[in-house]
PDB file of N, CA and C in Angstrom:
ATOM      1  N   MET A   1     116.534 139.342 145.655  1.00  0.00           N
ATOM      2  CA  MET A   1     115.430 138.285 146.467  1.00  0.00           C
ATOM      3  C   MET A   1     116.265 137.248 147.879  1.00  0.00           C
ATOM      4  N   THR A   2     115.594 136.863 148.497  1.00  0.00           N
ATOM      5  CA  THR A   2     116.233 136.621 150.023  1.00  0.00           C
ATOM      6  C   THR A   2     115.759 134.834 149.539  1.00  0.00           C
ATOM      7  N   ALA A   3     116.350 134.557 149.573  1.00  0.00           N
ATOM      8  CA  ALA A   3     115.762 132.158 149.863  1.00  0.00           C
ATOM      9  C   ALA A   3     114.161 132.213 150.570  1.00  0.00           C
ATOM     10  N   ARG A   4     113.701 133.025 151.088  1.00  0.00           N
ATOM     11  CA  ARG A   4     112.400 132.891 152.321  1.00  0.00           C
ATOM     12  C   ARG A   4     111.570 133.410 151.058  1.00  0.00           C
ATOM     13  N   GLU A   5     111.916 134.868 150.398  1.00  0.00           N
ATOM     14  CA  GLU A   5     111.525 135.550 149.520  1.00  0.00           C
ATOM     15  C   GLU A   5     111.157 134.524 147.982  1.00  0.00           C
ATOM     16  N   PHE A   6     112.642 134.205 147.104  1.00  0.00           N
ATOM     17  CA  PHE A   6     112.172 133.583 146.056  1.00  0.00           C
ATOM     18  C   PHE A   6     111.031 133.080 146.265  1.00  0.00           C
ATOM     19  N   LEU A   7     110.971 131.037 147.169  1.00  0.00           N
ATOM     20  CA  LEU A   7     110.146 130.532 147.560  1.00  0.00           C
ATOM     21  C   LEU A   7     108.850 131.038 147.692  1.00  0.00           C
ATOM     22  N   ASP A   8     108.588 132.111 148.040  1.00  0.00           N
ATOM     23  CA  ASP A   8     106.963 133.077 148.178  1.00  0.00           C
ATOM     24  C   ASP A   8     106.786 132.780 146.583  1.00  0.00           C
ATOM     25  N   TYR A   9     107.610 134.265 145.861  1.00  0.00           N
ATOM     26  CA  TYR A   9     107.936 134.567 145.031  1.00  0.00           C
ATOM     27  C   TYR A   9     107.307 132.969 143.822  1.00  0.00           C
ATOM     28  N   ALA A  10     107.793 131.639 144.186  1.00  0.00           N
ATOM     29  CA  ALA A  10     107.797 130.216 143.439  1.00  0.00           C
ATOM     30  C   ALA A  10     106.221 130.010 143.447  1.00  0.00           C
ATOM     31  N   GLY A  11     106.210 130.150 145.043  1.00  0.00           N
ATOM     32  CA  GLY A  11     104.444 129.509 144.704  1.00  0.00           C
ATOM     33  C   GLY A  11     104.216 128.602 145.686  1.00  0.00           C
ATOM     34  N   TRP A  12     105.378 127.876 146.592  1.00  0.00           N
ATOM     35  CA  TRP A  12     105.607 126.779 147.309  1.00  0.00           C
ATOM     36  C   TRP A  12     104.664 126.264 148.472  1.00  0.00           C
ATOM     37  N   GLY A  13     104.239 126.071 149.097  1.00  0.00           N
ATOM     38  CA  GLY A  13     103.320 125.434 149.867  1.00  0.00           C
ATOM     39  C   GLY A  13     103.348 124.681 150.526  1.00  0.00           C
ATOM     40  N   GLY A  14     105.107 124.233 151.046  1.00  0.00           N
ATOM     41  CA  GLY A  14     104.939 122.400 151.044  1.00  0.00           C
ATOM     42  C   GLY A  14     105.722 123.586 152.677  1.00  0.00           C
ATOM     43  N   GLU A  15     106.924 122.524 153.065  1.00  0.00           N
ATOM     44  CA  GLU A  15     107.295 123.128 154.678  1.00  0.00           C
ATOM     45  C   GLU A  15     108.301 123.810 154.471  1.00  0.00           C
ATOM     46  N   LEU A  16     108.643 125.028 155.125  1.00  0.00           N
ATOM     47  CA  LEU A  16     109.758 125.745 154.330  1.00  0.00           C
ATOM     48  C   LEU A  16     111.095 125.256 155.113  1.00  0.00           C
ATOM     49  N   GLU A  17     111.913 124.758 155.503  1.00  0.00           N
ATOM     50  CA  GLU A  17     112.687 124.032 155.717  1.00  0.00           C
ATOM     51  C   GLU A  17     113.375 123.350 154.544  1.00  0.00           C
ATOM     52  N   LYS A  18     111.894 122.897 153.594  1.00  0.00           N
ATOM     53  CA  LYS A  18     112.546 121.741 152.571  1.00  0.00           C
ATOM     54  C   LYS A  18     112.317 121.991 151.533  1.00  0.00           C
ATOM     55  N   GLY A  19     111.651 123.438 151.656  1.00  0.00           N
ATOM     56  CA  GLY A  19     111.967 124.474 150.267  1.00  0.00           C
ATOM     57  C   GLY A  19     113.375 124.841 149.841  1.00  0.00           C
ATOM     58  N   LEU A  20     113.585 125.365 151.557  1.00  0.00           N
ATOM     59  CA  LEU A  20     114.846 125.828 151.529  1.00  0.00           C
ATOM     60  C   LEU A  20     116.318 125.105 151.046  1.00  0.00           C
ATOM     61  N   ALA A  21     116.001 124.334 151.859  1.00  0.00           N
ATOM     62  CA  ALA A  21     117.346 122.906 151.254  1.00  0.00           C
ATOM     63  C   ALA A  21     117.118 122.376 149.340  1.00  0.00           C
ATOM     64  N   ILE A  22     116.002 122.477 148.704  1.00  0.00           N
ATOM     65  CA  ILE A  22     115.667 121.529 147.419  1.00  0.00           C
ATOM     66  C   ILE A  22     116.375 122.881 146.794  1.00  0.00           C
ATOM     67  N   LEU A  23     116.137 124.314 147.134  1.00  0.00           N
ATOM     68  CA  LEU A  23     116.231 125.619 146.283  1.00  0.00           C
ATOM     69  C   LEU A  23     118.221 125.536 146.537  1.00  0.00           C
ATOM     70  N   GLY A  24     118.759 124.856 147.730  1.00  0.00           N
ATOM     71  CA  GLY A  24     119.945 125.147 148.313  1.00  0.00           C
ATOM     72  C   GLY A  24     120.527 124.109 146.956  1.00  0.00           C
ATOM     73  N   GLN A  25     119.630 122.753 146.879  1.00  0.00           N
ATOM     74  CA  GLN A  25     120.381 121.789 145.489  1.00  0.00           C
ATOM     75  C   GLN A  25     120.391 123.146 144.252  1.00  0.00           C
ATOM     76  N   TYR A  26     119.941 123.792 144.108  1.00  0.00           N
ATOM     77  CA  TYR A  26     118.577 123.814 142.815  1.00  0.00           C
ATOM     78  C   TYR A  26     119.839 125.476 142.326  1.00  0.00           C
ATOM     79  N   VAL A  27     120.151 125.336 143.249  1.00  0.00           N
ATOM     80  CA  VAL A  27     121.363 126.929 142.449  1.00  0.00           C
ATOM     81  C   VAL A  27     123.050 126.242 143.106  1.00  0.00           C
ATOM     82  N   GLY A  28     123.304 124.621 143.213  1.00  0.00           N
ATOM     83  CA  GLY A  28     124.330 124.153 143.418  1.00  0.00           C
ATOM     84  C   GLY A  28     125.052 124.902 144.683  1.00  0.00           C
ATOM     85  N   ARG A  29     124.004 124.891 146.547  1.00  0.00           N
ATOM     86  CA  ARG A  29     124.743 125.298 147.753  1.00  0.00           C
ATOM     87  C   ARG A  29     124.902 124.625 148.171  1.00  0.00           C
ATOM     88  N   GLY A  30     124.257 123.261 148.116  1.00  0.00           N
ATOM     89  CA  GLY A  30     123.681 122.150 148.940  1.00  0.00           C
ATOM     90  C   GLY A  30     122.570 122.680 149.444  1.00  0.00           C
ATOM     91  N   SER A  31     121.826 121.874 150.349  1.00  0.00           N
ATOM     92  CA  SER A  31     121.403 121.691 150.800  1.00  0.00           C
ATOM     93  C   SER A  31     120.850 122.068 152.246  1.00  0.00           C
ATOM     94  N   ASP A  32     122.042 122.696 152.929  1.00  0.00           N
ATOM     95  CA  ASP A  32     121.988 122.999 154.356  1.00  0.00           C
ATOM     96  C   ASP A  32     121.867 124.633 154.557  1.00  0.00           C
ATOM     97  N   TYR A  33     122.685 125.377 152.809  1.00  0.00           N
ATOM     98  CA  TYR A  33     123.135 126.795 152.936  1.00  0.00           C
ATOM     99  C   TYR A  33     122.126 128.057 153.439  1.00  0.00           C
ATOM    100  N   TYR A  34     120.310 127.589 152.538  1.00  0.00           N
ATOM    101  CA  TYR A  34     119.753 128.636 152.363  1.00  0.00           C
ATOM    102  C   TYR A  34     119.054 127.998 153.754  1.00  0.00           C
ATOM    103  N   VAL A  35     118.538 127.041 154.427  1.00  0.00           N
ATOM    104  CA  VAL A  35     117.837 126.514 155.875  1.00  0.00           C
ATOM    105  C   VAL A  35     118.864 127.173 156.815  1.00  0.00           C
ATOM    106  N   SER A  36     120.358 126.994 156.476  1.00  0.00           N
ATOM    107  CA  SER A  36     120.715 128.004 157.874  1.00  0.00           C
ATOM    108  C   SER A  36     120.642 129.273 157.201  1.00  0.00           C
ATOM    109  N   PHE A  37     120.550 129.624 156.175  1.00  0.00           N
ATOM    110  CA  PHE A  37     120.314 131.552 155.892  1.00  0.00           C
ATOM    111  C   PHE A  37     119.523 131.823 155.314  1.00  0.00           C
ATOM    112  N   PRO A  38     118.311 131.483 155.212  1.00  0.00           N
ATOM    113  CA  PRO A  38     117.106 131.800 155.015  1.00  0.00           C
ATOM    114  C   PRO A  38     116.979 133.489 154.067  1.00  0.00           C
ATOM    115  N   ASP A  39     117.345 134.603 155.138  1.00  0.00           N
ATOM    116  CA  ASP A  39     117.315 135.394 154.549  1.00  0.00           C
ATOM    117  C   ASP A  39     118.684 135.766 153.901  1.00  0.00           C
ATOM    118  N   THR A  40     119.471 135.433 152.995  1.00  0.00           N
ATOM    119  CA  THR A  40     120.553 135.493 152.173  1.00  0.00           C
ATOM    120  C   THR A  40     119.736 135.236 150.196  1.00  0.00           C
ATOM    121  N   GLU A  41     120.178 136.757 149.892  1.00  0.00           N
ATOM    122  CA  GLU A  41     120.404 136.568 148.376  1.00  0.00           C
ATOM    123  C   GLU A  41     120.598 135.375 147.402  1.00  0.00           C
ATOM    124  N   VAL A  42     119.302 134.710 146.675  1.00  0.00           N
ATOM    125  CA  VAL A  42     119.642 134.013 145.952  1.00  0.00           C
ATOM    126  C   VAL A  42     119.899 134.654 144.480  1.00  0.00           C
ATOM    127  N   LEU A  43     121.628 133.712 144.299  1.00  0.00           N
ATOM    128  CA  LEU A  43     121.960 134.433 143.320  1.00  0.00           C
ATOM    129  C   LEU A  43     122.730 132.800 142.382  1.00  0.00           C
ATOM    130  N   THR A  44     122.801 133.034 140.930  1.00  0.00           N
ATOM    131  CA  THR A  44     123.199 131.403 140.637  1.00  0.00           C
ATOM    132  C   THR A  44     124.370 131.647 140.683  1.00  0.00           C
ATOM    133  N   GLU A  45     124.988 130.832 139.694  1.00  0.00           N
ATOM    134  CA  GLU A  45     126.870 130.407 140.139  1.00  0.00           C
ATOM    135  C   GLU A  45     127.059 131.758 139.838  1.00  0.00           C
ATOM    136  N   ASP A  46     127.005 132.719 138.510  1.00  0.00           N
ATOM    137  CA  ASP A  46     127.326 133.913 137.492  1.00  0.00           C
ATOM    138  C   ASP A  46     127.097 135.129 138.920  1.00  0.00           C
ATOM    139  N   GLY A  47     126.376 135.022 140.282  1.00  0.00           N
ATOM    140  CA  GLY A  47     126.288 135.570 140.896  1.00  0.00           C
ATOM    141  C   GLY A  47     124.875 136.693 139.891  1.00  0.00           C
ATOM    142  N   GLU A  48     124.259 136.340 139.127  1.00  0.00           N
ATOM    143  CA  GLU A  48     122.786 137.049 138.776  1.00  0.00           C
ATOM    144  C   GLU A  48     121.840 136.806 140.278  1.00  0.00           C
ATOM    145  N   PRO A  49     121.274 137.320 139.950  1.00  0.00           N
ATOM    146  CA  PRO A  49     120.113 137.223 141.036  1.00  0.00           C
ATOM    147  C   PRO A  49     118.827 136.073 140.265  1.00  0.00           C
ATOM    148  N   LEU A  50     118.454 134.797 141.208  1.00  0.00           N
ATOM    149  CA  LEU A  50     118.081 133.901 140.538  1.00  0.00           C
ATOM    150  C   LEU A  50     116.922 134.530 139.358  1.00  0.00           C
ATOM    151  N   SER A  51     115.929 135.184 140.264  1.00  0.00           N
ATOM    152  CA  SER A  51     114.430 135.722 140.398  1.00  0.00           C
ATOM    153  C   SER A  51     114.284 136.676 138.734  1.00  0.00           C
ATOM    154  N   GLU A  52     115.154 136.848 138.684  1.00  0.00           N
ATOM    155  CA  GLU A  52     115.745 137.962 137.222  1.00  0.00           C
ATOM    156  C   GLU A  52     115.737 136.945 136.156  1.00  0.00           C
ATOM    157  N   LEU A  53     116.075 136.032 136.494  1.00  0.00           N
ATOM    158  CA  LEU A  53     116.038 134.993 134.272  1.00  0.00           C
ATOM    159  C   LEU A  53     114.980 134.833 133.898  1.00  0.00           C
ATOM    160  N   PRO A  54     114.990 134.437 133.309  1.00  0.00           N
ATOM    161  CA  PRO A  54     113.874 135.267 132.160  1.00  0.00           C
ATOM    162  C   PRO A  54     112.793 133.336 132.774  1.00  0.00           C
ATOM    163  N   ASP A  55     113.373 131.956 133.105  1.00  0.00           N
ATOM    164  CA  ASP A  55     112.457 130.764 132.927  1.00  0.00           C
ATOM    165  C   ASP A  55     112.653 130.656 134.092  1.00  0.00           C
ATOM    166  N   GLU A  56     112.687 131.613 135.936  1.00  0.00           N
ATOM    167  CA  GLU A  56     112.458 131.536 136.738  1.00  0.00           C
ATOM    168  C   GLU A  56     111.026 132.326 137.700  1.00  0.00           C
ATOM    169  N   PRO A  57     109.830 131.251 138.131  1.00  0.00           N
ATOM    170  CA  PRO A  57     110.441 130.457 138.888  1.00  0.00           C
ATOM    171  C   PRO A  57     110.246 128.664 138.508  1.00  0.00           C
ATOM    172  N   ALA A  58     109.057 128.991 137.068  1.00  0.00           N
ATOM    173  CA  ALA A  58     108.722 127.570 136.643  1.00  0.00           C
ATOM    174  C   ALA A  58     110.524 126.484 136.470  1.00  0.00           C
ATOM    175  N   GLY A  59     111.506 126.789 136.598  1.00  0.00           N
ATOM    176  CA  GLY A  59     113.190 125.816 136.419  1.00  0.00           C
ATOM    177  C   GLY A  59     112.504 125.423 137.822  1.00  0.00           C
ATOM    178  N   PHE A  60     112.458 126.496 138.893  1.00  0.00           N
ATOM    179  CA  PHE A  60     112.681 126.071 140.207  1.00  0.00           C
ATOM    180  C   PHE A  60     111.528 125.429 140.700  1.00  0.00           C
ATOM    181  N   GLN A  61     110.041 124.898 139.685  1.00  0.00           N
ATOM    182  CA  GLN A  61     109.202 124.354 140.622  1.00  0.00           C
ATOM    183  C   GLN A  61     109.123 123.324 139.628  1.00  0.00           C
ATOM    184  N   GLU A  62     110.283 123.092 138.299  1.00  0.00           N
ATOM    185  CA  GLU A  62     109.825 122.121 137.748  1.00  0.00           C
ATOM    186  C   GLU A  62     110.950 120.513 138.642  1.00  0.00           C
ATOM    187  N   TYR A  63     111.879 121.611 138.805  1.00  0.00           N
ATOM    188  CA  TYR A  63     112.803 121.480 139.990  1.00  0.00           C
ATOM    189  C   TYR A  63     112.302 120.402 141.537  1.00  0.00           C
ATOM    190  N   ALA A  64     111.533 121.447 141.939  1.00  0.00           N
ATOM    191  CA  ALA A  64     110.972 120.795 143.410  1.00  0.00           C
ATOM    192  C   ALA A  64     110.472 119.656 143.049  1.00  0.00           C
ATOM    193  N   ASP A  65     109.341 120.468 142.011  1.00  0.00           N
ATOM    194  CA  ASP A  65     108.810 118.794 141.778  1.00  0.00           C
ATOM    195  C   ASP A  65     108.831 117.172 141.293  1.00  0.00           C
ATOM    196  N   ALA A  66     110.233 117.604 140.951  1.00  0.00           N
ATOM    197  CA  ALA A  66     110.920 116.258 140.367  1.00  0.00           C
ATOM    198  C   ALA A  66     111.643 116.129 141.613  1.00  0.00           C
ATOM    199  N   TYR A  67     111.508 116.381 142.330  1.00  0.00           N
ATOM    200  CA  TYR A  67     112.988 116.028 143.710  1.00  0.00           C
ATOM    201  C   TYR A  67     111.738 115.962 144.790  1.00  0.00           C
ATOM    202  N   SER A  68     110.559 115.931 144.681  1.00  0.00           N
ATOM    203  CA  SER A  68     109.565 115.234 145.258  1.00  0.00           C
ATOM    204  C   SER A  68     108.739 114.096 145.119  1.00  0.00           C
ATOM    205  N   GLU A  69     109.142 113.423 144.388  1.00  0.00           N
ATOM    206  CA  GLU A  69     108.556 113.160 143.220  1.00  0.00           C
ATOM    207  C   GLU A  69     109.481 111.245 144.359  1.00  0.00           C
TER     208      GLU A  69
END
């Protein structure tokens, strides 16, 4: 699943660039990575698709909410 698709899957309702930046920080790629490459697959540090983890998208949503406060 691409970064753009993951944000849709997670129910991101904010600005696309901000969501991509938060997602990049969440997975440890830095805030500019997915902003520059929004159609790149979202993988964990272990190379697993983020969307296939049992605690997603809830983990991202919690992180994004905390980041936005």
